[in-house]
Amino acid sequence: MTDKDTILAVIDADAEDLSAAERAAYFAEGSGARIELFSSIFDPYIAGERLFDSEDLIAAKEKRLAEQREKLEDVARPLRDDGFDVVVDVVWDEPVYEGVVRKVLRTKPAMVIRNNHYHHALQRGLFSNDDWNLIRTCPAPLLITRHGKHPSERMNICAAVDPMHAHDKPAELDHEILKTAIAIADRIEGDVSVVHCYDAAAVIAGMAAGSMTPIIPDTEQIAEQVRDEHWVSVAKLLEPYGVAKSDVHHLPGNPRMVLPGFVAEQKIDLMVMGAVSRGFLERTFIGNTAEQVLDRMPCDLLIIKPASFECTVKADSRHRFHPQ
């Protein structure tokens, strides 16, 4: 990140937790990157329609925008006092995630940061749809914060890779994940490790289900074969990056089940992982790894898209309102 980059910190209209702004300052420190505090707001009670906007509705919208802008200025003031270059922007747009993506398309920030508290098992059903939709549609690297300020010691960063492309990821995405994790660690003097999960049980189940005759597979031999094949792919992927073997974690099991425990055990501060958008029907039945683990992970998540990613959100919105 350089002094020509911008970090976009998304502050929801009703947000009380300001860790997105705090995390933006953490990553901007030392790089000179600009911080932009951004809100996308919409109130259906005063939205009106383009052909029916009265002077009262326009005044109400302007008042609501001004109130949110002042709230962001209150957040920006102490950051500016600390020497950061901070600007604020508030737009009238809906839904929230589309407002954020349209902002990204207009300004092309180096990173987008959005706060979301870690939810325990009974609360996972309450997770915001805006988070899921941002993962699918945001073209910039998306950092989901899960807790308060980072500790003062070195940040523990982990890159989750999938060189076997078991989840339909383009080959380029693993390289984007590794480059991003290493670049962040270099700038903030953090530590980098790599994790890969392989699910031998799924292979064994698939072999048994595909057989025309009843068989008893040698599960131990198959598990060893799967482990070795995946390790060869991981080692080949990591050759250009100089990652020590001791910093590579090769874990058996489904990543949705394995990664949360791994994060807690290794005290990971930031997990860098990939996500690829899918069609609605495919997403209904398959989902993707980032979405499946997102609400189970007690650390920050940085979601990376491949360079070939195409954003599906339209650049314009009928809800956008421009004050006079």
C-alpha atoms as a PDB file:
ATOM      1  CA  MET A   1       0.000   0.000   0.000  1.00  0.00           C
ATOM      2  CA  THR A   2       1.348   3.440  -0.949  1.00  0.00           C
ATOM      3  CA  ASP A   3       0.522   7.119  -0.518  1.00  0.00           C
ATOM      4  CA  LYS A   4      -1.441   6.887  -3.778  1.00  0.00           C
ATOM      5  CA  ASP A   5      -3.793   4.253  -2.360  1.00  0.00           C
ATOM      6  CA  THR A   6      -7.070   4.695  -0.512  1.00  0.00           C
ATOM      7  CA  ILE A   7      -8.478   2.452   2.198  1.00  0.00           C
ATOM      8  CA  LEU A   8     -12.282   2.552   2.246  1.00  0.00           C
ATOM      9  CA  ALA A   9     -13.721   2.024   5.747  1.00  0.00           C
ATOM     10  CA  VAL A  10     -17.452   1.283   5.609  1.00  0.00           C
ATOM     11  CA  ILE A  11     -19.356   2.713   8.587  1.00  0.00           C
ATOM     12  CA  ASP A  12     -22.991   1.644   8.756  1.00  0.00           C
ATOM     13  CA  ALA A  13     -25.563   4.301   9.601  1.00  0.00           C
ATOM     14  CA  ASP A  14     -26.417   2.681  12.954  1.00  0.00           C
ATOM     15  CA  ALA A  15     -22.888   1.448  13.748  1.00  0.00           C
ATOM     16  CA  GLU A  16     -21.550   1.913  17.273  1.00  0.00           C
ATOM     17  CA  ASP A  17     -18.419  -0.201  16.756  1.00  0.00           C
ATOM     18  CA  LEU A  18     -15.755   1.819  14.925  1.00  0.00           C
ATOM     19  CA  SER A  19     -13.197  -0.949  14.491  1.00  0.00           C
ATOM     20  CA  ALA A  20     -13.368  -0.555  10.687  1.00  0.00           C
ATOM     21  CA  ALA A  21     -11.939   2.959  11.043  1.00  0.00           C
ATOM     22  CA  GLU A  22      -9.379   1.774  13.606  1.00  0.00           C
ATOM     23  CA  ARG A  23      -8.269  -1.055  11.330  1.00  0.00           C
ATOM     24  CA  ALA A  24      -7.984   1.361   8.394  1.00  0.00           C
ATOM     25  CA  ALA A  25      -5.604   3.468  10.479  1.00  0.00           C
ATOM     26  CA  TYR A  26      -3.622   0.341  11.380  1.00  0.00           C
ATOM     27  CA  PHE A  27      -3.013  -0.499   7.716  1.00  0.00           C
ATOM     28  CA  ALA A  28      -2.528   3.126   6.623  1.00  0.00           C
ATOM     29  CA  GLU A  29       0.112   3.861   9.257  1.00  0.00           C
ATOM     30  CA  GLY A  30       3.520   4.188   7.682  1.00  0.00           C
ATOM     31  CA  SER A  31       2.254   3.900   4.101  1.00  0.00           C
ATOM     32  CA  GLY A  32       0.689   7.330   3.746  1.00  0.00           C
ATOM     33  CA  ALA A  33      -2.443   5.774   2.260  1.00  0.00           C
ATOM     34  CA  ARG A  34      -5.567   7.909   2.454  1.00  0.00           C
ATOM     35  CA  ILE A  35      -8.460   6.742   4.627  1.00  0.00           C
ATOM     36  CA  GLU A  36     -11.993   7.329   3.381  1.00  0.00           C
ATOM     37  CA  LEU A  37     -14.841   6.843   5.832  1.00  0.00           C
ATOM     38  CA  PHE A  38     -17.924   5.894   3.839  1.00  0.00           C
ATOM     39  CA  SER A  39     -21.605   5.291   4.529  1.00  0.00           C
ATOM     40  CA  SER A  40     -24.337   4.152   2.188  1.00  0.00           C
ATOM     41  CA  ILE A  41     -27.695   5.034   3.759  1.00  0.00           C
ATOM     42  CA  PHE A  42     -31.325   4.678   2.759  1.00  0.00           C
ATOM     43  CA  ASP A  43     -34.585   5.298   4.591  1.00  0.00           C
ATOM     44  CA  PRO A  44     -37.716   3.979   2.848  1.00  0.00           C
ATOM     45  CA  TYR A  45     -39.917   6.332   4.868  1.00  0.00           C
ATOM     46  CA  ILE A  46     -38.373   9.390   3.253  1.00  0.00           C
ATOM     47  CA  ALA A  47     -37.100   7.805   0.033  1.00  0.00           C
ATOM     48  CA  GLY A  48     -39.933   8.907  -2.237  1.00  0.00           C
ATOM     49  CA  GLU A  49     -39.708   8.213  -5.953  1.00  0.00           C
ATOM     50  CA  ARG A  50     -37.967  10.200  -8.641  1.00  0.00           C
ATOM     51  CA  LEU A  51     -41.230  11.591 -10.019  1.00  0.00           C
ATOM     52  CA  PHE A  52     -42.711  12.310  -6.619  1.00  0.00           C
ATOM     53  CA  ASP A  53     -39.869  13.909  -4.674  1.00  0.00           C
ATOM     54  CA  SER A  54     -41.376  16.861  -2.841  1.00  0.00           C
ATOM     55  CA  GLU A  55     -39.343  19.691  -1.349  1.00  0.00           C
ATOM     56  CA  ASP A  56     -39.997  18.209   2.091  1.00  0.00           C
ATOM     57  CA  LEU A  57     -38.649  14.787   1.040  1.00  0.00           C
ATOM     58  CA  ILE A  58     -35.567  16.352  -0.523  1.00  0.00           C
ATOM     59  CA  ALA A  59     -34.967  18.369   2.648  1.00  0.00           C
ATOM     60  CA  ALA A  60     -35.401  15.250   4.777  1.00  0.00           C
ATOM     61  CA  LYS A  61     -32.863  13.339   2.674  1.00  0.00           C
ATOM     62  CA  GLU A  62     -30.373  16.196   2.838  1.00  0.00           C
ATOM     63  CA  LYS A  63     -30.800  16.383   6.619  1.00  0.00           C
ATOM     64  CA  ARG A  64     -30.248  12.625   6.982  1.00  0.00           C
ATOM     65  CA  LEU A  65     -27.129  12.744   4.804  1.00  0.00           C
ATOM     66  CA  ALA A  66     -25.779  15.745   6.735  1.00  0.00           C
ATOM     67  CA  GLU A  67     -26.317  13.943  10.065  1.00  0.00           C
ATOM     68  CA  GLN A  68     -24.408  10.871   8.901  1.00  0.00           C
ATOM     69  CA  ARG A  69     -21.644  13.014   7.407  1.00  0.00           C
ATOM     70  CA  GLU A  70     -21.226  14.786  10.744  1.00  0.00           C
ATOM     71  CA  LYS A  71     -21.034  11.411  12.473  1.00  0.00           C
ATOM     72  CA  LEU A  72     -18.212  10.396  10.131  1.00  0.00           C
ATOM     73  CA  GLU A  73     -16.464  13.728  10.702  1.00  0.00           C
ATOM     74  CA  ASP A  74     -16.509  12.974  14.435  1.00  0.00           C
ATOM     75  CA  VAL A  75     -14.738   9.682  13.684  1.00  0.00           C
ATOM     76  CA  ALA A  76     -12.308  11.359  11.285  1.00  0.00           C
ATOM     77  CA  ARG A  77     -11.249  14.176  13.624  1.00  0.00           C
ATOM     78  CA  PRO A  78      -9.012  12.162  16.004  1.00  0.00           C
ATOM     79  CA  LEU A  79      -7.515  10.261  13.058  1.00  0.00           C
ATOM     80  CA  ARG A  80      -6.542  13.553  11.415  1.00  0.00           C
ATOM     81  CA  ASP A  81      -5.079  14.711  14.731  1.00  0.00           C
ATOM     82  CA  ASP A  82      -2.865  11.606  14.597  1.00  0.00           C
ATOM     83  CA  GLY A  83      -1.585  12.630  11.168  1.00  0.00           C
ATOM     84  CA  PHE A  84      -3.744  10.514   8.877  1.00  0.00           C
ATOM     85  CA  ASP A  85      -5.175  11.844   5.606  1.00  0.00           C
ATOM     86  CA  VAL A  86      -8.907  11.253   6.103  1.00  0.00           C
ATOM     87  CA  VAL A  87     -11.893  12.165   3.952  1.00  0.00           C
ATOM     88  CA  VAL A  88     -15.565  11.279   4.395  1.00  0.00           C
ATOM     89  CA  ASP A  89     -18.365  10.481   1.981  1.00  0.00           C
ATOM     90  CA  VAL A  90     -22.033   9.619   2.468  1.00  0.00           C
ATOM     91  CA  VAL A  91     -24.374   8.518  -0.318  1.00  0.00           C
ATOM     92  CA  TRP A  92     -28.071   7.779  -0.510  1.00  0.00           C
ATOM     93  CA  ASP A  93     -28.185   4.304  -2.020  1.00  0.00           C
ATOM     94  CA  GLU A  94     -29.819   0.940  -1.482  1.00  0.00           C
ATOM     95  CA  PRO A  95     -29.197  -1.895  -0.784  1.00  0.00           C
ATOM     96  CA  VAL A  96     -26.181  -1.088   1.370  1.00  0.00           C
ATOM     97  CA  TYR A  97     -23.819  -3.598  -0.225  1.00  0.00           C
ATOM     98  CA  GLU A  98     -24.583  -2.268  -3.714  1.00  0.00           C
ATOM     99  CA  GLY A  99     -23.916   1.259  -2.511  1.00  0.00           C
ATOM    100  CA  VAL A 100     -20.522   0.094  -1.260  1.00  0.00           C
ATOM    101  CA  VAL A 101     -19.707  -1.729  -4.497  1.00  0.00           C
ATOM    102  CA  ARG A 102     -20.722   1.273  -6.601  1.00  0.00           C
ATOM    103  CA  LYS A 103     -18.387   3.408  -4.479  1.00  0.00           C
ATOM    104  CA  VAL A 104     -15.600   0.891  -5.124  1.00  0.00           C
ATOM    105  CA  LEU A 105     -16.264   0.989  -8.866  1.00  0.00           C
ATOM    106  CA  ARG A 106     -16.071   4.797  -8.830  1.00  0.00           C
ATOM    107  CA  THR A 107     -12.958   5.228  -6.678  1.00  0.00           C
ATOM    108  CA  LYS A 108     -11.044   1.894  -6.920  1.00  0.00           C
ATOM    109  CA  PRO A 109      -9.691   1.705  -3.332  1.00  0.00           C
ATOM    110  CA  ALA A 110      -6.831  -0.633  -2.467  1.00  0.00           C
ATOM    111  CA  MET A 111      -8.895  -2.225   0.305  1.00  0.00           C
ATOM    112  CA  VAL A 112     -12.440  -2.137   1.695  1.00  0.00           C
ATOM    113  CA  ILE A 113     -12.931  -2.644   5.439  1.00  0.00           C
ATOM    114  CA  ARG A 114     -16.240  -3.511   7.058  1.00  0.00           C
ATOM    115  CA  ASN A 115     -16.906  -4.445  10.665  1.00  0.00           C
ATOM    116  CA  ASN A 116     -18.820  -7.528  11.690  1.00  0.00           C
ATOM    117  CA  HIS A 117     -18.741  -9.088  15.146  1.00  0.00           C
ATOM    118  CA  TYR A 118     -18.005 -12.773  15.503  1.00  0.00           C
ATOM    119  CA  HIS A 119     -21.216 -14.695  16.204  1.00  0.00           C
ATOM    120  CA  HIS A 120     -21.483 -17.755  18.370  1.00  0.00           C
ATOM    121  CA  ALA A 121     -23.327 -20.835  17.122  1.00  0.00           C
ATOM    122  CA  LEU A 122     -26.833 -19.772  18.160  1.00  0.00           C
ATOM    123  CA  GLN A 123     -26.424 -16.344  16.522  1.00  0.00           C
ATOM    124  CA  ARG A 124     -25.137 -17.366  13.112  1.00  0.00           C
ATOM    125  CA  GLY A 125     -28.589 -17.201  11.520  1.00  0.00           C
ATOM    126  CA  LEU A 126     -28.605 -13.440  12.206  1.00  0.00           C
ATOM    127  CA  PHE A 127     -25.557 -12.754  10.061  1.00  0.00           C
ATOM    128  CA  SER A 128     -26.066  -9.830   7.670  1.00  0.00           C
ATOM    129  CA  ASN A 129     -26.881 -10.504   4.032  1.00  0.00           C
ATOM    130  CA  ASP A 130     -24.780  -7.457   3.162  1.00  0.00           C
ATOM    131  CA  ASP A 131     -21.670  -9.349   4.297  1.00  0.00           C
ATOM    132  CA  TRP A 132     -22.441 -12.347   2.086  1.00  0.00           C
ATOM    133  CA  ASN A 133     -23.264 -10.119  -0.864  1.00  0.00           C
ATOM    134  CA  LEU A 134     -20.106  -8.040  -0.462  1.00  0.00           C
ATOM    135  CA  ILE A 135     -18.043 -11.225  -0.525  1.00  0.00           C
ATOM    136  CA  ARG A 136     -19.683 -12.187  -3.802  1.00  0.00           C
ATOM    137  CA  THR A 137     -19.665  -8.815  -5.520  1.00  0.00           C
ATOM    138  CA  CYS A 138     -16.976  -6.489  -4.122  1.00  0.00           C
ATOM    139  CA  PRO A 139     -14.164  -6.235  -6.721  1.00  0.00           C
ATOM    140  CA  ALA A 140     -11.607  -4.846  -4.223  1.00  0.00           C
ATOM    141  CA  PRO A 141      -9.951  -6.859  -1.409  1.00  0.00           C
ATOM    142  CA  LEU A 142     -12.535  -6.963   1.393  1.00  0.00           C
ATOM    143  CA  LEU A 143     -11.452  -7.021   5.029  1.00  0.00           C
ATOM    144  CA  ILE A 144     -14.115  -8.206   7.486  1.00  0.00           C
ATOM    145  CA  THR A 145     -13.104  -7.225  11.017  1.00  0.00           C
ATOM    146  CA  ARG A 146     -14.209  -9.517  13.816  1.00  0.00           C
ATOM    147  CA  HIS A 147     -12.772  -7.879  16.948  1.00  0.00           C
ATOM    148  CA  GLY A 148     -11.277  -4.656  18.248  1.00  0.00           C
ATOM    149  CA  LYS A 149      -7.806  -3.243  17.796  1.00  0.00           C
ATOM    150  CA  HIS A 150      -4.965  -5.530  16.830  1.00  0.00           C
ATOM    151  CA  PRO A 151      -2.437  -6.306  19.587  1.00  0.00           C
ATOM    152  CA  SER A 152       0.763  -4.291  19.573  1.00  0.00           C
ATOM    153  CA  GLU A 153       2.916  -7.355  18.878  1.00  0.00           C
ATOM    154  CA  ARG A 154       3.507  -8.765  15.380  1.00  0.00           C
ATOM    155  CA  MET A 155       0.346  -9.654  13.475  1.00  0.00           C
ATOM    156  CA  ASN A 156      -0.087 -13.362  12.780  1.00  0.00           C
ATOM    157  CA  ILE A 157      -1.229 -13.627   9.132  1.00  0.00           C
ATOM    158  CA  CYS A 158      -2.279 -16.864   7.447  1.00  0.00           C
ATOM    159  CA  ALA A 159      -2.955 -17.478   3.742  1.00  0.00           C
ATOM    160  CA  ALA A 160      -5.538 -20.167   2.978  1.00  0.00           C
ATOM    161  CA  VAL A 161      -4.751 -21.776  -0.381  1.00  0.00           C
ATOM    162  CA  ASP A 162      -6.452 -24.413  -2.513  1.00  0.00           C
ATOM    163  CA  PRO A 163      -4.016 -25.452  -5.290  1.00  0.00           C
ATOM    164  CA  MET A 164      -6.131 -28.479  -6.235  1.00  0.00           C
ATOM    165  CA  HIS A 165      -8.935 -26.023  -7.113  1.00  0.00           C
ATOM    166  CA  ALA A 166     -11.457 -28.187  -5.317  1.00  0.00           C
ATOM    167  CA  HIS A 167     -13.774 -25.206  -5.002  1.00  0.00           C
ATOM    168  CA  ASP A 168     -13.610 -24.026  -8.642  1.00  0.00           C
ATOM    169  CA  LYS A 169     -11.027 -21.330  -7.937  1.00  0.00           C
ATOM    170  CA  PRO A 170      -8.954 -20.101 -10.859  1.00  0.00           C
ATOM    171  CA  ALA A 171      -5.269 -20.992 -10.480  1.00  0.00           C
ATOM    172  CA  GLU A 172      -4.317 -17.307 -10.339  1.00  0.00           C
ATOM    173  CA  LEU A 173      -6.265 -16.766  -7.135  1.00  0.00           C
ATOM    174  CA  ASP A 174      -3.853 -18.701  -4.903  1.00  0.00           C
ATOM    175  CA  HIS A 175      -1.021 -16.491  -6.131  1.00  0.00           C
ATOM    176  CA  GLU A 176      -3.069 -13.356  -5.421  1.00  0.00           C
ATOM    177  CA  ILE A 177      -3.739 -14.630  -1.892  1.00  0.00           C
ATOM    178  CA  LEU A 178      -0.059 -15.363  -1.206  1.00  0.00           C
ATOM    179  CA  LYS A 179       1.209 -12.100  -2.695  1.00  0.00           C
ATOM    180  CA  THR A 180      -1.315 -10.127  -0.643  1.00  0.00           C
ATOM    181  CA  ALA A 181      -0.500 -11.906   2.640  1.00  0.00           C
ATOM    182  CA  ILE A 182       3.257 -11.492   2.132  1.00  0.00           C
ATOM    183  CA  ALA A 183       2.949  -7.825   1.088  1.00  0.00           C
ATOM    184  CA  ILE A 184       0.910  -7.007   4.204  1.00  0.00           C
ATOM    185  CA  ALA A 185       3.334  -8.861   6.454  1.00  0.00           C
ATOM    186  CA  ASP A 186       6.308  -7.056   4.919  1.00  0.00           C
ATOM    187  CA  ARG A 187       4.738  -3.641   5.429  1.00  0.00           C
ATOM    188  CA  ILE A 188       3.604  -4.146   9.020  1.00  0.00           C
ATOM    189  CA  GLU A 189       6.377  -6.577  10.012  1.00  0.00           C
ATOM    190  CA  GLY A 190       3.975  -9.443  10.583  1.00  0.00           C
ATOM    191  CA  ASP A 191       4.441 -13.220  10.393  1.00  0.00           C
ATOM    192  CA  VAL A 192       3.054 -15.293   7.500  1.00  0.00           C
ATOM    193  CA  SER A 193       1.968 -18.915   7.475  1.00  0.00           C
ATOM    194  CA  VAL A 194       0.037 -20.963   4.914  1.00  0.00           C
ATOM    195  CA  VAL A 195      -2.804 -23.415   5.459  1.00  0.00           C
ATOM    196  CA  HIS A 196      -4.363 -25.948   3.112  1.00  0.00           C
ATOM    197  CA  CYS A 197      -7.127 -28.431   3.920  1.00  0.00           C
ATOM    198  CA  TYR A 198      -7.595 -31.727   2.085  1.00  0.00           C
ATOM    199  CA  ASP A 199     -10.692 -33.865   2.559  1.00  0.00           C
ATOM    200  CA  ALA A 200      -9.803 -37.518   2.023  1.00  0.00           C
ATOM    201  CA  ALA A 201     -13.173 -38.609   3.443  1.00  0.00           C
ATOM    202  CA  ALA A 202     -14.971 -36.921   0.552  1.00  0.00           C
ATOM    203  CA  VAL A 203     -12.756 -38.774  -1.954  1.00  0.00           C
ATOM    204  CA  ILE A 204     -13.371 -42.099  -0.253  1.00  0.00           C
ATOM    205  CA  ALA A 205     -17.132 -41.526  -0.150  1.00  0.00           C
ATOM    206  CA  GLY A 206     -17.137 -40.575  -3.819  1.00  0.00           C
ATOM    207  CA  MET A 207     -15.244 -43.731  -4.791  1.00  0.00           C
ATOM    208  CA  ALA A 208     -17.640 -45.940  -2.853  1.00  0.00           C
ATOM    209  CA  ALA A 209     -20.718 -44.234  -4.278  1.00  0.00           C
ATOM    210  CA  GLY A 210     -19.406 -44.495  -7.847  1.00  0.00           C
ATOM    211  CA  SER A 211     -18.706 -48.205  -7.735  1.00  0.00           C
ATOM    212  CA  MET A 212     -21.154 -50.603  -9.451  1.00  0.00           C
ATOM    213  CA  THR A 213     -20.310 -53.369  -6.992  1.00  0.00           C
ATOM    214  CA  PRO A 214     -19.988 -53.275  -3.212  1.00  0.00           C
ATOM    215  CA  ILE A 215     -16.369 -52.563  -2.249  1.00  0.00           C
ATOM    216  CA  ILE A 216     -14.487 -51.988   0.949  1.00  0.00           C
ATOM    217  CA  PRO A 217     -11.918 -49.316   0.081  1.00  0.00           C
ATOM    218  CA  ASP A 218      -8.535 -49.222   1.786  1.00  0.00           C
ATOM    219  CA  THR A 219      -9.285 -45.938   3.508  1.00  0.00           C
ATOM    220  CA  GLU A 220      -5.828 -45.553   5.060  1.00  0.00           C
ATOM    221  CA  GLN A 221      -4.069 -46.002   1.726  1.00  0.00           C
ATOM    222  CA  ILE A 222      -6.452 -43.614  -0.060  1.00  0.00           C
ATOM    223  CA  ALA A 223      -6.049 -41.004   2.683  1.00  0.00           C
ATOM    224  CA  GLU A 224      -2.256 -41.182   2.348  1.00  0.00           C
ATOM    225  CA  GLN A 225      -2.498 -40.864  -1.427  1.00  0.00           C
ATOM    226  CA  VAL A 226      -4.785 -37.838  -1.196  1.00  0.00           C
ATOM    227  CA  ARG A 227      -2.520 -36.239   1.410  1.00  0.00           C
ATOM    228  CA  ASP A 228       0.577 -36.766  -0.738  1.00  0.00           C
ATOM    229  CA  GLU A 229      -1.075 -35.468  -3.922  1.00  0.00           C
ATOM    230  CA  HIS A 230      -2.236 -32.327  -2.176  1.00  0.00           C
ATOM    231  CA  TRP A 231       1.143 -31.769  -0.526  1.00  0.00           C
ATOM    232  CA  VAL A 232       2.926 -31.948  -3.901  1.00  0.00           C
ATOM    233  CA  SER A 233       0.546 -29.312  -5.274  1.00  0.00           C
ATOM    234  CA  VAL A 234       1.028 -27.048  -2.232  1.00  0.00           C
ATOM    235  CA  ALA A 235       4.818 -27.369  -2.397  1.00  0.00           C
ATOM    236  CA  LYS A 236       4.832 -26.506  -6.104  1.00  0.00           C
ATOM    237  CA  LEU A 237       2.579 -23.484  -5.485  1.00  0.00           C
ATOM    238  CA  LEU A 238       4.872 -22.165  -2.739  1.00  0.00           C
ATOM    239  CA  GLU A 239       8.175 -22.560  -4.627  1.00  0.00           C
ATOM    240  CA  PRO A 240       8.396 -18.892  -5.741  1.00  0.00           C
ATOM    241  CA  TYR A 241       7.586 -17.489  -2.294  1.00  0.00           C
ATOM    242  CA  GLY A 242      10.234 -18.926  -0.008  1.00  0.00           C
ATOM    243  CA  VAL A 243       7.787 -19.995   2.710  1.00  0.00           C
ATOM    244  CA  ALA A 244       9.475 -22.269   5.256  1.00  0.00           C
ATOM    245  CA  LYS A 245       8.049 -25.791   5.491  1.00  0.00           C
ATOM    246  CA  SER A 246       7.517 -25.272   9.215  1.00  0.00           C
ATOM    247  CA  ASP A 247       5.123 -22.414   8.375  1.00  0.00           C
ATOM    248  CA  VAL A 248       2.943 -24.572   6.113  1.00  0.00           C
ATOM    249  CA  HIS A 249      -0.036 -26.324   7.730  1.00  0.00           C
ATOM    250  CA  HIS A 250      -1.408 -29.281   5.745  1.00  0.00           C
ATOM    251  CA  LEU A 251      -4.625 -30.248   7.504  1.00  0.00           C
ATOM    252  CA  PRO A 252      -6.976 -33.191   6.880  1.00  0.00           C
ATOM    253  CA  GLY A 253     -10.699 -32.450   6.809  1.00  0.00           C
ATOM    254  CA  ASN A 254     -13.312 -30.104   5.430  1.00  0.00           C
ATOM    255  CA  PRO A 255     -12.081 -26.469   5.711  1.00  0.00           C
ATOM    256  CA  ARG A 256     -15.455 -25.383   7.069  1.00  0.00           C
ATOM    257  CA  MET A 257     -14.922 -27.665  10.060  1.00  0.00           C
ATOM    258  CA  VAL A 258     -11.120 -27.487  10.386  1.00  0.00           C
ATOM    259  CA  LEU A 259     -10.183 -23.835   9.888  1.00  0.00           C
ATOM    260  CA  PRO A 260     -12.010 -22.252  12.877  1.00  0.00           C
ATOM    261  CA  GLY A 261     -10.237 -24.541  15.340  1.00  0.00           C
ATOM    262  CA  PHE A 262      -6.921 -24.003  13.573  1.00  0.00           C
ATOM    263  CA  VAL A 263      -7.340 -20.207  13.829  1.00  0.00           C
ATOM    264  CA  ALA A 264      -8.016 -20.407  17.553  1.00  0.00           C
ATOM    265  CA  GLU A 265      -5.141 -22.812  18.229  1.00  0.00           C
ATOM    266  CA  GLN A 266      -2.572 -20.844  16.190  1.00  0.00           C
ATOM    267  CA  LYS A 267      -3.863 -17.448  17.392  1.00  0.00           C
ATOM    268  CA  ILE A 268      -4.302 -16.169  13.840  1.00  0.00           C
ATOM    269  CA  ASP A 269      -5.081 -12.433  13.632  1.00  0.00           C
ATOM    270  CA  LEU A 270      -5.809 -12.244   9.900  1.00  0.00           C
ATOM    271  CA  MET A 271      -6.810 -14.991   7.477  1.00  0.00           C
ATOM    272  CA  VAL A 272      -6.358 -14.183   3.768  1.00  0.00           C
ATOM    273  CA  MET A 273      -8.598 -16.344   1.605  1.00  0.00           C
ATOM    274  CA  GLY A 274     -10.296 -16.384  -1.772  1.00  0.00           C
ATOM    275  CA  ALA A 275     -13.878 -16.202  -2.917  1.00  0.00           C
ATOM    276  CA  VAL A 276     -15.423 -16.603  -6.346  1.00  0.00           C
ATOM    277  CA  SER A 277     -18.970 -15.510  -7.181  1.00  0.00           C
ATOM    278  CA  ARG A 278     -21.410 -18.178  -8.321  1.00  0.00           C
ATOM    279  CA  GLY A 279     -24.807 -18.213  -9.923  1.00  0.00           C
ATOM    280  CA  PHE A 280     -27.839 -18.217  -7.629  1.00  0.00           C
ATOM    281  CA  LEU A 281     -28.831 -21.866  -8.097  1.00  0.00           C
ATOM    282  CA  GLU A 282     -25.262 -23.136  -7.809  1.00  0.00           C
ATOM    283  CA  ARG A 283     -24.734 -21.058  -4.683  1.00  0.00           C
ATOM    284  CA  THR A 284     -27.886 -22.506  -3.139  1.00  0.00           C
ATOM    285  CA  PHE A 285     -26.544 -26.051  -3.319  1.00  0.00           C
ATOM    286  CA  ILE A 286     -22.786 -25.542  -3.141  1.00  0.00           C
ATOM    287  CA  GLY A 287     -22.019 -22.225  -1.466  1.00  0.00           C
ATOM    288  CA  ASN A 288     -18.299 -21.433  -1.327  1.00  0.00           C
ATOM    289  CA  THR A 289     -15.623 -22.003   1.261  1.00  0.00           C
ATOM    290  CA  ALA A 290     -15.286 -18.372   2.307  1.00  0.00           C
ATOM    291  CA  GLU A 291     -19.011 -18.061   2.964  1.00  0.00           C
ATOM    292  CA  GLN A 292     -19.201 -21.381   4.781  1.00  0.00           C
ATOM    293  CA  VAL A 293     -16.427 -20.510   7.226  1.00  0.00           C
ATOM    294  CA  LEU A 294     -16.984 -16.740   7.533  1.00  0.00           C
ATOM    295  CA  ASP A 295     -19.335 -16.844  10.489  1.00  0.00           C
ATOM    296  CA  ARG A 296     -17.274 -19.525  12.236  1.00  0.00           C
ATOM    297  CA  MET A 297     -13.964 -17.682  12.183  1.00  0.00           C
ATOM    298  CA  PRO A 298     -12.967 -15.630  15.260  1.00  0.00           C
ATOM    299  CA  CYS A 299     -10.313 -13.632  13.363  1.00  0.00           C
ATOM    300  CA  ASP A 300     -10.247 -10.902  10.733  1.00  0.00           C
ATOM    301  CA  LEU A 301     -10.817 -12.137   7.182  1.00  0.00           C
ATOM    302  CA  LEU A 302      -9.367 -10.597   4.033  1.00  0.00           C
ATOM    303  CA  ILE A 303     -11.311 -11.835   1.010  1.00  0.00           C
ATOM    304  CA  ILE A 304      -9.480 -11.745  -2.336  1.00  0.00           C
ATOM    305  CA  LYS A 305     -10.981 -12.035  -5.818  1.00  0.00           C
ATOM    306  CA  PRO A 306      -9.080 -13.272  -8.895  1.00  0.00           C
ATOM    307  CA  ALA A 307      -7.880 -10.646 -11.362  1.00  0.00           C
ATOM    308  CA  SER A 308     -10.405 -11.982 -13.874  1.00  0.00           C
ATOM    309  CA  PHE A 309     -13.351 -11.296 -11.537  1.00  0.00           C
ATOM    310  CA  GLU A 310     -16.251  -9.449 -13.185  1.00  0.00           C
ATOM    311  CA  CYS A 311     -18.506  -7.376 -10.927  1.00  0.00           C
ATOM    312  CA  THR A 312     -22.239  -7.948 -11.433  1.00  0.00           C
ATOM    313  CA  VAL A 313     -23.469  -4.818  -9.632  1.00  0.00           C
ATOM    314  CA  LYS A 314     -24.666  -2.048 -11.944  1.00  0.00           C
ATOM    315  CA  ALA A 315     -22.677   1.180 -11.719  1.00  0.00           C
ATOM    316  CA  ASP A 316     -25.823   3.327 -11.454  1.00  0.00           C
ATOM    317  CA  SER A 317     -28.748   3.099  -9.055  1.00  0.00           C
ATOM    318  CA  ARG A 318     -32.220   4.581  -9.232  1.00  0.00           C
ATOM    319  CA  HIS A 319     -31.948   5.223  -5.488  1.00  0.00           C
ATOM    320  CA  ARG A 320     -28.907   7.511  -5.623  1.00  0.00           C
ATOM    321  CA  PHE A 321     -29.686  11.026  -4.460  1.00  0.00           C
ATOM    322  CA  HIS A 322     -27.553  14.078  -5.161  1.00  0.00           C
ATOM    323  CA  PRO A 323     -28.207  17.005  -2.810  1.00  0.00           C
ATOM    324  CA  GLN A 324     -28.523  20.391  -4.488  1.00  0.00           C
END
